[in-house]
C-alpha cells in the first residue's frame, strides 16, 4: 500500500499507531477527522518514503518536532488548522530540500518565520497566516526574491501582524488575497 487517504471520515480516538508500520506509504492523509488532541505522533518519523503528509484539522497540539527532518522526501506538508505552537524548527526544514508545498496556517505558531523556507529550492507554496508570528527572519525577503516574483508561487501570511515593508507576503505586496480554500482539498501527484 502506497496511498492512504482517511480524510473526512469522522474518525475518533487516536491517530492509529499502526500507520507507522506502513513503510511503503508515499501519500498519507488523515485530515479533517476529530481525533483526540495529541502531539504530532512520533511513529510517523519512520515513514521516510512519504512524499505527501496531511494532518490538517486533526486536533494536533505541541510543537513541530525536530525529527520531522527524517522525512527528507516530503513534497507536501499540511498542518493547517491545529493547535501547534512554539517556533518552527528551522534546521529540520533545511534538511527537507524537496518541499514544494508547506501549509502551516491556523495554528498558534510564533517567533520568526525562518529564512530557510526562502532557501528551499522547490518551494512554490508557503501559507503561514492566522498564527502568532512576529516577523520574518532577517534576509527572508531577499533570499525569497525568485520565489516571490514567480507567477506560480503562493506565499500568504498576516499582513496586519507583520506590516510591510517587514514582510513580503504575496497578497500584501500585490494588495490582493489568495482564496482561503485554494488548497483545502488536495491530492497532488508527483513524479
N, C-alpha and C. Protein backbone atom coordinates (compact mmCIF):
# COMPACT_ATOMS: atom_id res chain seq x y z
N UNK A 1 0.84 -1.18 0.00
CA UNK A 1 0.00 0.00 0.00
C UNK A 1 0.89 1.25 0.00
N UNK A 2 0.69 2.12 -0.98
CA UNK A 2 1.50 3.33 -1.06
C UNK A 2 0.68 4.60 -0.87
N UNK A 3 -0.63 4.52 -1.01
CA UNK A 3 -1.50 5.70 -0.96
C UNK A 3 -2.65 5.42 0.00
N UNK A 4 -2.74 6.22 1.07
CA UNK A 4 -3.81 6.01 2.06
C UNK A 4 -4.44 7.35 2.39
N UNK A 5 -5.73 7.47 2.07
CA UNK A 5 -6.48 8.69 2.34
C UNK A 5 -7.65 8.36 3.25
N UNK A 6 -7.54 8.77 4.52
CA UNK A 6 -8.58 8.55 5.51
C UNK A 6 -9.25 9.87 5.90
N UNK A 7 -9.10 10.88 5.06
CA UNK A 7 -9.62 12.21 5.39
C UNK A 7 -11.14 12.24 5.37
N UNK A 8 -11.68 13.15 6.20
CA UNK A 8 -13.13 13.40 6.25
C UNK A 8 -13.96 12.15 6.54
N UNK A 9 -13.52 11.34 7.48
CA UNK A 9 -14.23 10.11 7.81
C UNK A 9 -14.82 10.09 9.22
N UNK A 10 -14.74 11.22 9.92
CA UNK A 10 -15.25 11.31 11.29
C UNK A 10 -14.58 10.29 12.21
N UNK A 11 -13.31 10.00 11.96
CA UNK A 11 -12.56 9.08 12.80
C UNK A 11 -12.30 9.74 14.15
N UNK A 12 -12.37 8.97 15.21
CA UNK A 12 -12.15 9.48 16.56
C UNK A 12 -11.08 8.65 17.26
N UNK A 13 -10.76 9.03 18.48
CA UNK A 13 -9.71 8.34 19.22
C UNK A 13 -8.36 8.90 18.84
N UNK A 14 -7.36 8.06 18.85
CA UNK A 14 -6.00 8.48 18.49
C UNK A 14 -5.73 8.19 17.02
N UNK A 15 -4.79 8.93 16.45
CA UNK A 15 -4.32 8.58 15.11
C UNK A 15 -3.69 7.20 15.23
N UNK A 16 -4.12 6.24 14.42
CA UNK A 16 -3.68 4.85 14.60
C UNK A 16 -2.16 4.66 14.54
N UNK A 17 -1.61 4.06 15.59
CA UNK A 17 -0.18 3.77 15.66
C UNK A 17 0.24 2.84 14.53
N UNK A 18 -0.66 1.97 14.09
CA UNK A 18 -0.34 1.00 13.04
C UNK A 18 0.07 1.68 11.73
N UNK A 19 -0.29 2.94 11.55
CA UNK A 19 0.15 3.66 10.35
C UNK A 19 1.67 3.73 10.28
N UNK A 20 2.32 3.74 11.43
CA UNK A 20 3.77 3.80 11.48
C UNK A 20 4.45 2.55 10.92
N UNK A 21 3.69 1.48 10.74
CA UNK A 21 4.23 0.24 10.19
C UNK A 21 4.16 0.19 8.66
N UNK A 22 3.56 1.19 8.06
CA UNK A 22 3.35 1.18 6.61
C UNK A 22 4.50 1.90 5.91
N UNK A 23 5.65 1.28 5.93
CA UNK A 23 6.89 1.90 5.46
C UNK A 23 6.88 2.29 3.99
N UNK A 24 6.01 1.70 3.18
CA UNK A 24 5.99 1.99 1.75
C UNK A 24 5.07 3.15 1.37
N UNK A 25 4.37 3.72 2.36
CA UNK A 25 3.44 4.81 2.06
C UNK A 25 4.18 6.00 1.45
N UNK A 26 3.63 6.52 0.36
CA UNK A 26 4.14 7.76 -0.23
C UNK A 26 3.14 8.89 -0.02
N UNK A 27 1.88 8.56 0.25
CA UNK A 27 0.83 9.55 0.47
C UNK A 27 0.02 9.13 1.69
N UNK A 28 -0.11 10.03 2.65
CA UNK A 28 -0.93 9.77 3.83
C UNK A 28 -1.71 11.02 4.19
N UNK A 29 -3.03 10.89 4.22
CA UNK A 29 -3.88 11.96 4.69
C UNK A 29 -4.87 11.40 5.69
N UNK A 30 -4.83 11.98 6.89
CA UNK A 30 -5.83 11.67 7.92
C UNK A 30 -6.55 12.97 8.29
N UNK A 31 -6.52 13.91 7.37
CA UNK A 31 -7.03 15.25 7.64
C UNK A 31 -8.53 15.29 7.88
N UNK A 32 -8.94 16.33 8.59
CA UNK A 32 -10.32 16.64 8.89
C UNK A 32 -11.03 15.45 9.55
N UNK A 33 -10.45 14.99 10.64
CA UNK A 33 -11.05 13.97 11.50
C UNK A 33 -10.92 14.46 12.94
N UNK A 34 -11.96 14.25 13.74
CA UNK A 34 -11.93 14.73 15.13
C UNK A 34 -11.18 13.80 16.09
N UNK A 35 -9.90 13.56 15.81
CA UNK A 35 -9.09 12.72 16.69
C UNK A 35 -8.95 13.39 18.05
N UNK A 36 -8.60 12.59 19.06
CA UNK A 36 -8.29 13.15 20.37
C UNK A 36 -7.09 14.07 20.23
N UNK A 37 -7.10 15.21 20.92
CA UNK A 37 -5.93 16.10 20.85
C UNK A 37 -4.66 15.38 21.27
N UNK A 38 -3.61 15.57 20.48
CA UNK A 38 -2.33 14.92 20.76
C UNK A 38 -1.21 15.67 20.04
N UNK A 39 0.04 15.43 20.46
CA UNK A 39 1.17 15.96 19.68
C UNK A 39 1.26 15.22 18.35
N UNK A 40 2.07 15.75 17.43
CA UNK A 40 2.31 15.03 16.18
C UNK A 40 2.91 13.67 16.55
N UNK A 41 2.26 12.58 16.13
CA UNK A 41 2.70 11.24 16.56
C UNK A 41 4.13 10.92 16.12
N UNK A 42 4.95 10.50 17.06
CA UNK A 42 6.36 10.21 16.76
C UNK A 42 6.53 8.99 15.85
N UNK A 43 5.52 8.11 15.80
CA UNK A 43 5.65 6.94 14.92
C UNK A 43 5.69 7.33 13.45
N UNK A 44 5.28 8.55 13.13
CA UNK A 44 5.33 9.00 11.74
C UNK A 44 6.75 9.16 11.22
N UNK A 45 7.71 9.35 12.13
CA UNK A 45 9.09 9.58 11.68
C UNK A 45 9.68 8.39 10.94
N UNK A 46 9.10 7.23 11.10
CA UNK A 46 9.57 6.05 10.38
C UNK A 46 9.07 5.96 8.95
N UNK A 47 8.15 6.85 8.58
CA UNK A 47 7.58 6.81 7.23
C UNK A 47 8.42 7.66 6.28
N UNK A 48 9.62 7.23 6.06
CA UNK A 48 10.59 8.02 5.30
C UNK A 48 10.34 7.99 3.79
N UNK A 49 9.40 7.17 3.32
CA UNK A 49 9.06 7.15 1.89
C UNK A 49 7.99 8.17 1.54
N UNK A 50 7.39 8.80 2.57
CA UNK A 50 6.30 9.74 2.32
C UNK A 50 6.74 10.91 1.44
N UNK A 51 5.86 11.24 0.49
CA UNK A 51 6.02 12.44 -0.31
C UNK A 51 4.97 13.48 0.09
N UNK A 52 3.80 13.02 0.52
CA UNK A 52 2.73 13.91 0.93
C UNK A 52 2.19 13.47 2.28
N UNK A 53 2.08 14.43 3.20
CA UNK A 53 1.55 14.17 4.53
C UNK A 53 0.58 15.28 4.89
N UNK A 54 -0.69 14.91 5.09
CA UNK A 54 -1.69 15.88 5.51
C UNK A 54 -2.27 15.48 6.86
N UNK A 55 -2.03 16.35 7.84
CA UNK A 55 -2.57 16.19 9.18
C UNK A 55 -3.47 17.38 9.52
N UNK A 56 -4.04 17.98 8.49
CA UNK A 56 -4.91 19.16 8.61
C UNK A 56 -6.12 18.86 9.50
N UNK A 57 -6.41 19.79 10.41
CA UNK A 57 -7.63 19.70 11.23
C UNK A 57 -7.78 18.35 11.92
N UNK A 58 -6.75 17.95 12.66
CA UNK A 58 -6.79 16.67 13.38
C UNK A 58 -6.60 16.83 14.88
N UNK A 59 -6.62 18.04 15.41
CA UNK A 59 -6.50 18.26 16.85
C UNK A 59 -5.09 18.17 17.39
N UNK A 60 -4.09 18.33 16.54
CA UNK A 60 -2.71 18.26 17.00
C UNK A 60 -2.34 19.49 17.82
N UNK A 61 -1.54 19.27 18.86
CA UNK A 61 -1.03 20.38 19.66
C UNK A 61 0.44 20.15 19.93
N UNK A 62 1.08 21.10 20.60
CA UNK A 62 2.51 20.99 20.89
C UNK A 62 3.31 21.63 19.77
N UNK A 63 4.56 21.26 19.68
CA UNK A 63 5.46 21.86 18.70
C UNK A 63 5.64 20.93 17.50
N UNK A 64 6.15 21.51 16.42
CA UNK A 64 6.55 20.69 15.27
C UNK A 64 7.88 20.07 15.65
N UNK A 65 7.96 18.75 15.71
CA UNK A 65 9.17 18.09 16.22
C UNK A 65 10.35 18.16 15.26
N UNK A 66 11.54 18.16 15.86
CA UNK A 66 12.77 18.18 15.05
C UNK A 66 12.93 16.92 14.22
N UNK A 67 12.35 15.80 14.69
CA UNK A 67 12.52 14.56 13.95
C UNK A 67 11.84 14.60 12.58
N UNK A 68 11.06 15.64 12.32
CA UNK A 68 10.39 15.73 11.02
C UNK A 68 11.41 15.75 9.88
N UNK A 69 12.65 16.13 10.19
CA UNK A 69 13.69 16.16 9.17
C UNK A 69 13.97 14.77 8.60
N UNK A 70 13.57 13.72 9.30
CA UNK A 70 13.76 12.36 8.79
C UNK A 70 12.92 12.13 7.53
N UNK A 71 11.91 12.95 7.32
CA UNK A 71 11.04 12.83 6.15
C UNK A 71 11.60 13.68 5.01
N UNK A 72 12.83 13.44 4.65
CA UNK A 72 13.53 14.24 3.65
C UNK A 72 12.86 14.24 2.28
N UNK A 73 12.09 13.22 1.97
CA UNK A 73 11.42 13.13 0.67
C UNK A 73 10.10 13.86 0.57
N UNK A 74 9.64 14.46 1.68
CA UNK A 74 8.34 15.14 1.65
C UNK A 74 8.32 16.25 0.62
N UNK A 75 7.25 16.28 -0.14
CA UNK A 75 7.00 17.33 -1.12
C UNK A 75 5.89 18.25 -0.58
N UNK A 76 4.91 17.65 0.08
CA UNK A 76 3.79 18.41 0.64
C UNK A 76 3.65 18.10 2.12
N UNK A 77 3.57 19.15 2.93
CA UNK A 77 3.32 19.04 4.36
C UNK A 77 2.18 19.97 4.71
N UNK A 78 1.07 19.40 5.17
CA UNK A 78 -0.12 20.18 5.50
C UNK A 78 -0.45 19.98 6.98
N UNK A 79 -0.24 21.03 7.76
CA UNK A 79 -0.53 21.01 9.20
C UNK A 79 -1.56 22.07 9.58
N UNK A 80 -2.33 22.54 8.61
CA UNK A 80 -3.30 23.61 8.81
C UNK A 80 -4.36 23.23 9.84
N UNK A 81 -4.81 24.22 10.61
CA UNK A 81 -5.99 24.07 11.45
C UNK A 81 -5.83 23.21 12.68
N UNK A 82 -4.66 23.23 13.27
CA UNK A 82 -4.43 22.50 14.51
C UNK A 82 -4.16 23.52 15.62
N UNK A 83 -3.52 23.09 16.69
CA UNK A 83 -3.20 23.97 17.81
C UNK A 83 -1.69 23.91 18.04
N UNK A 84 -0.92 23.81 16.97
CA UNK A 84 0.53 23.73 17.08
C UNK A 84 1.07 25.07 17.54
N UNK A 85 2.10 25.02 18.39
CA UNK A 85 2.65 26.24 18.97
C UNK A 85 4.17 26.20 18.95
N UNK A 86 4.77 27.25 19.46
CA UNK A 86 6.22 27.32 19.50
C UNK A 86 6.79 27.83 18.20
N UNK A 87 8.10 27.76 18.09
CA UNK A 87 8.78 28.24 16.89
C UNK A 87 8.97 27.10 15.90
N UNK A 88 9.23 27.47 14.66
CA UNK A 88 9.46 26.47 13.62
C UNK A 88 10.88 25.95 13.71
N UNK A 89 11.09 24.63 13.64
CA UNK A 89 12.44 24.06 13.71
C UNK A 89 13.19 24.26 12.39
N UNK A 90 13.84 25.41 12.28
CA UNK A 90 14.48 25.80 11.02
C UNK A 90 15.44 24.75 10.49
N UNK A 91 16.28 24.20 11.35
CA UNK A 91 17.27 23.23 10.89
C UNK A 91 16.61 21.98 10.32
N UNK A 92 15.50 21.57 10.91
CA UNK A 92 14.78 20.39 10.41
C UNK A 92 14.26 20.66 9.01
N UNK A 93 13.66 21.83 8.80
CA UNK A 93 13.14 22.15 7.47
C UNK A 93 14.26 22.34 6.45
N UNK A 94 15.42 22.74 6.89
CA UNK A 94 16.57 22.90 5.99
C UNK A 94 16.96 21.57 5.35
N UNK A 95 16.71 20.48 6.05
CA UNK A 95 17.05 19.15 5.54
C UNK A 95 16.03 18.63 4.53
N UNK A 96 14.91 19.32 4.39
CA UNK A 96 13.81 18.84 3.56
C UNK A 96 13.79 19.58 2.23
N UNK A 97 14.79 19.34 1.41
CA UNK A 97 15.03 20.08 0.18
C UNK A 97 14.00 19.84 -0.92
N UNK A 98 13.14 18.84 -0.78
CA UNK A 98 12.13 18.55 -1.80
C UNK A 98 10.80 19.24 -1.55
N UNK A 99 10.67 19.91 -0.40
CA UNK A 99 9.40 20.54 -0.07
C UNK A 99 8.97 21.52 -1.15
N UNK A 100 7.74 21.34 -1.61
CA UNK A 100 7.15 22.20 -2.62
C UNK A 100 5.98 22.98 -2.04
N UNK A 101 5.21 22.33 -1.17
CA UNK A 101 4.04 22.94 -0.54
C UNK A 101 4.14 22.74 0.97
N UNK A 102 4.11 23.86 1.72
CA UNK A 102 4.12 23.82 3.19
C UNK A 102 2.96 24.68 3.66
N UNK A 103 2.01 24.06 4.34
CA UNK A 103 0.83 24.76 4.81
C UNK A 103 0.79 24.69 6.35
N UNK A 104 0.94 25.85 6.96
CA UNK A 104 1.03 25.94 8.42
C UNK A 104 -0.02 26.88 9.02
N UNK A 105 -0.94 27.38 8.23
CA UNK A 105 -1.92 28.36 8.68
C UNK A 105 -2.83 27.82 9.78
N UNK A 106 -3.43 28.78 10.51
CA UNK A 106 -4.43 28.46 11.53
C UNK A 106 -3.90 27.56 12.64
N UNK A 107 -2.80 27.95 13.22
CA UNK A 107 -2.23 27.30 14.38
C UNK A 107 -1.91 28.39 15.40
N UNK A 108 -1.01 28.13 16.31
CA UNK A 108 -0.57 29.14 17.29
C UNK A 108 0.96 29.26 17.26
N UNK A 109 1.54 29.05 16.08
CA UNK A 109 2.99 29.13 15.93
C UNK A 109 3.45 30.56 16.15
N UNK A 110 4.70 30.72 16.62
CA UNK A 110 5.16 32.06 17.00
C UNK A 110 6.63 32.26 16.64
N UNK A 111 7.12 33.46 16.95
CA UNK A 111 8.51 33.79 16.69
C UNK A 111 8.68 34.30 15.28
N UNK A 112 9.83 34.02 14.70
CA UNK A 112 10.14 34.46 13.34
C UNK A 112 9.91 33.32 12.36
N UNK A 113 9.48 33.67 11.17
CA UNK A 113 9.38 32.69 10.09
C UNK A 113 10.79 32.53 9.54
N UNK A 114 11.36 31.34 9.67
CA UNK A 114 12.77 31.15 9.32
C UNK A 114 13.08 31.38 7.84
N UNK A 115 14.23 31.96 7.60
CA UNK A 115 14.73 32.22 6.25
C UNK A 115 14.93 30.92 5.47
N UNK A 116 15.05 29.81 6.16
CA UNK A 116 15.28 28.54 5.50
C UNK A 116 14.19 28.23 4.47
N UNK A 117 12.96 28.70 4.72
CA UNK A 117 11.90 28.46 3.74
C UNK A 117 12.19 29.18 2.43
N UNK A 118 12.76 30.36 2.51
CA UNK A 118 13.12 31.12 1.31
C UNK A 118 14.24 30.44 0.53
N UNK A 119 14.99 29.57 1.20
CA UNK A 119 16.13 28.91 0.58
C UNK A 119 15.80 27.53 0.03
N UNK A 120 14.58 27.04 0.28
CA UNK A 120 14.20 25.72 -0.25
C UNK A 120 14.02 25.83 -1.76
N UNK A 121 14.77 25.06 -2.53
CA UNK A 121 14.83 25.26 -3.98
C UNK A 121 13.53 24.96 -4.73
N UNK A 122 12.67 24.12 -4.19
CA UNK A 122 11.47 23.72 -4.93
C UNK A 122 10.19 24.32 -4.37
N UNK A 123 10.29 25.10 -3.31
CA UNK A 123 9.09 25.62 -2.66
C UNK A 123 8.28 26.51 -3.59
N UNK A 124 6.99 26.22 -3.73
CA UNK A 124 6.11 27.07 -4.54
C UNK A 124 4.91 27.56 -3.74
N UNK A 125 4.67 26.99 -2.55
CA UNK A 125 3.57 27.47 -1.71
C UNK A 125 3.98 27.39 -0.25
N UNK A 126 3.81 28.51 0.44
CA UNK A 126 4.03 28.59 1.88
C UNK A 126 2.89 29.42 2.46
N UNK A 127 2.07 28.80 3.31
CA UNK A 127 0.97 29.53 3.96
C UNK A 127 1.22 29.53 5.46
N UNK A 128 1.26 30.73 6.04
CA UNK A 128 1.60 30.87 7.46
C UNK A 128 0.62 31.77 8.22
N UNK A 129 -0.47 32.18 7.59
CA UNK A 129 -1.41 33.11 8.21
C UNK A 129 -2.13 32.52 9.41
N UNK A 130 -2.75 33.39 10.18
CA UNK A 130 -3.52 33.01 11.36
C UNK A 130 -2.68 32.22 12.37
N UNK A 131 -1.50 32.73 12.63
CA UNK A 131 -0.61 32.23 13.67
C UNK A 131 -0.21 33.44 14.51
N UNK A 132 0.82 33.28 15.32
CA UNK A 132 1.30 34.37 16.15
C UNK A 132 2.71 34.79 15.77
N UNK A 133 3.07 34.62 14.50
CA UNK A 133 4.40 35.02 14.05
C UNK A 133 4.58 36.52 14.23
N UNK A 134 5.79 36.91 14.62
CA UNK A 134 6.08 38.32 14.87
C UNK A 134 6.85 38.97 13.74
N UNK A 135 7.57 38.15 12.97
CA UNK A 135 8.38 38.72 11.90
C UNK A 135 8.89 37.61 10.99
N UNK A 136 9.47 38.03 9.90
CA UNK A 136 10.23 37.14 9.04
C UNK A 136 11.68 37.26 9.47
N UNK A 137 12.40 36.15 9.46
CA UNK A 137 13.82 36.21 9.82
C UNK A 137 14.54 37.19 8.90
N UNK A 138 15.49 37.92 9.44
CA UNK A 138 16.25 38.89 8.65
C UNK A 138 16.78 38.24 7.38
N UNK A 139 16.61 38.91 6.28
CA UNK A 139 17.09 38.41 4.99
C UNK A 139 16.10 37.54 4.25
N UNK A 140 14.96 37.23 4.87
CA UNK A 140 13.98 36.32 4.24
C UNK A 140 13.57 36.84 2.87
N UNK A 141 13.12 38.09 2.80
CA UNK A 141 12.58 38.61 1.54
C UNK A 141 13.63 38.69 0.44
N UNK A 142 14.88 38.93 0.82
CA UNK A 142 15.96 38.98 -0.17
C UNK A 142 16.22 37.58 -0.72
N UNK A 143 16.28 36.59 0.17
CA UNK A 143 16.50 35.20 -0.25
C UNK A 143 15.34 34.68 -1.08
N UNK A 144 14.13 35.19 -0.82
CA UNK A 144 12.92 34.66 -1.45
C UNK A 144 12.54 35.37 -2.74
N UNK A 145 13.39 36.24 -3.27
CA UNK A 145 13.00 37.03 -4.45
C UNK A 145 12.50 36.18 -5.61
N UNK A 146 13.20 35.13 -5.97
CA UNK A 146 12.76 34.28 -7.08
C UNK A 146 11.41 33.65 -6.78
N UNK A 147 11.26 33.18 -5.56
CA UNK A 147 10.01 32.56 -5.12
C UNK A 147 8.86 33.56 -5.17
N UNK A 148 9.08 34.75 -4.63
CA UNK A 148 8.04 35.78 -4.55
C UNK A 148 7.65 36.29 -5.93
N UNK A 149 8.62 36.44 -6.81
CA UNK A 149 8.36 37.02 -8.12
C UNK A 149 7.80 36.02 -9.13
N UNK A 150 7.76 34.76 -8.78
CA UNK A 150 7.22 33.75 -9.68
C UNK A 150 5.70 33.84 -9.72
N UNK A 151 5.13 33.80 -10.92
CA UNK A 151 3.67 33.83 -11.06
C UNK A 151 3.02 32.57 -10.51
N UNK A 152 3.79 31.52 -10.34
CA UNK A 152 3.25 30.26 -9.86
C UNK A 152 3.36 30.09 -8.35
N UNK A 153 3.93 31.05 -7.65
CA UNK A 153 4.16 30.93 -6.21
C UNK A 153 3.02 31.51 -5.40
N UNK A 154 2.81 30.91 -4.24
CA UNK A 154 1.83 31.41 -3.28
C UNK A 154 2.55 31.51 -1.93
N UNK A 155 2.55 32.70 -1.36
CA UNK A 155 3.16 32.95 -0.05
C UNK A 155 2.21 33.84 0.72
N UNK A 156 1.45 33.25 1.64
CA UNK A 156 0.45 34.03 2.37
C UNK A 156 0.78 34.09 3.85
N UNK A 157 0.42 35.20 4.44
CA UNK A 157 0.62 35.42 5.86
C UNK A 157 -0.30 36.52 6.34
N UNK A 158 -0.04 37.03 7.52
CA UNK A 158 -0.87 38.07 8.11
C UNK A 158 -0.27 39.44 7.87
N UNK A 159 -0.83 40.16 6.91
CA UNK A 159 -0.33 41.50 6.56
C UNK A 159 -0.43 42.45 7.74
N UNK A 160 -1.42 42.28 8.59
CA UNK A 160 -1.62 43.20 9.71
C UNK A 160 -0.67 42.91 10.87
N UNK A 161 -0.28 41.66 11.07
CA UNK A 161 0.62 41.33 12.18
C UNK A 161 2.08 41.63 11.86
N UNK A 162 2.46 41.44 10.63
CA UNK A 162 3.82 41.73 10.18
C UNK A 162 3.68 42.76 9.06
N UNK A 163 3.65 44.04 9.40
CA UNK A 163 3.36 45.06 8.39
C UNK A 163 4.47 45.22 7.36
N UNK A 164 4.07 45.67 6.19
CA UNK A 164 5.03 46.00 5.15
C UNK A 164 5.81 47.23 5.60
N UNK A 165 7.09 47.37 5.35
CA UNK A 165 7.92 46.57 4.47
C UNK A 165 8.62 45.41 5.16
N UNK A 166 8.17 45.03 6.36
CA UNK A 166 8.82 43.93 7.08
C UNK A 166 8.41 42.56 6.55
N UNK A 167 7.43 42.52 5.67
CA UNK A 167 7.04 41.24 5.11
C UNK A 167 7.13 41.31 3.60
N UNK A 168 7.04 40.13 2.99
CA UNK A 168 6.98 40.07 1.53
C UNK A 168 5.94 39.04 1.12
N UNK A 169 4.85 38.96 1.94
CA UNK A 169 3.75 38.08 1.59
C UNK A 169 3.17 38.55 0.27
N UNK A 170 2.90 37.63 -0.62
CA UNK A 170 2.46 37.99 -1.96
C UNK A 170 1.17 38.81 -1.91
N UNK A 171 0.22 38.43 -1.08
CA UNK A 171 -1.03 39.18 -1.07
C UNK A 171 -0.87 40.57 -0.46
N UNK A 172 0.15 40.79 0.37
CA UNK A 172 0.40 42.12 0.92
C UNK A 172 1.06 43.00 -0.13
N UNK A 173 2.01 42.43 -0.84
CA UNK A 173 2.73 43.20 -1.86
C UNK A 173 1.81 43.56 -3.02
N UNK A 174 0.91 42.64 -3.37
CA UNK A 174 0.05 42.85 -4.54
C UNK A 174 -1.32 43.41 -4.16
N UNK A 175 -1.53 43.69 -2.91
CA UNK A 175 -2.80 44.19 -2.41
C UNK A 175 -3.96 43.29 -2.79
N UNK A 176 -3.70 42.03 -2.96
CA UNK A 176 -4.75 41.06 -3.25
C UNK A 176 -4.73 40.00 -2.19
N UNK A 177 -5.59 39.02 -2.28
CA UNK A 177 -5.59 37.96 -1.30
C UNK A 177 -5.85 36.64 -2.00
N UNK A 178 -5.11 35.63 -1.64
CA UNK A 178 -5.33 34.31 -2.21
C UNK A 178 -6.59 33.71 -1.59
N UNK A 179 -7.36 32.99 -2.33
CA UNK A 179 -8.55 32.37 -1.77
C UNK A 179 -8.18 31.46 -0.60
N UNK A 180 -8.93 31.54 0.50
CA UNK A 180 -8.63 30.77 1.70
C UNK A 180 -8.75 29.27 1.46
N UNK A 181 -9.59 28.86 0.54
CA UNK A 181 -9.79 27.43 0.30
C UNK A 181 -9.01 26.93 -0.91
N UNK A 182 -8.00 27.67 -1.32
CA UNK A 182 -7.25 27.32 -2.52
C UNK A 182 -6.75 25.88 -2.50
N UNK A 183 -6.18 25.47 -1.36
CA UNK A 183 -5.63 24.12 -1.27
C UNK A 183 -6.35 23.32 -0.19
N UNK A 184 -7.62 23.61 0.06
CA UNK A 184 -8.36 22.94 1.12
C UNK A 184 -8.49 21.45 0.83
N UNK A 185 -8.53 21.10 -0.42
CA UNK A 185 -8.64 19.69 -0.78
C UNK A 185 -7.60 19.42 -1.85
N UNK A 186 -6.58 18.66 -1.47
CA UNK A 186 -5.56 18.39 -2.46
C UNK A 186 -5.22 16.92 -2.50
N UNK A 187 -4.94 16.48 -3.67
CA UNK A 187 -4.42 15.15 -3.89
C UNK A 187 -3.45 15.32 -5.05
N UNK A 188 -2.31 15.86 -4.74
CA UNK A 188 -1.34 16.18 -5.77
C UNK A 188 -0.55 14.94 -6.16
N UNK A 189 -0.16 14.88 -7.37
CA UNK A 189 0.63 13.74 -7.87
C UNK A 189 2.02 14.24 -8.23
N UNK A 190 3.03 13.49 -7.85
CA UNK A 190 4.42 13.89 -8.08
C UNK A 190 5.14 12.79 -8.83
N UNK A 191 6.13 13.20 -9.58
CA UNK A 191 6.94 12.21 -10.30
C UNK A 191 7.96 11.61 -9.35
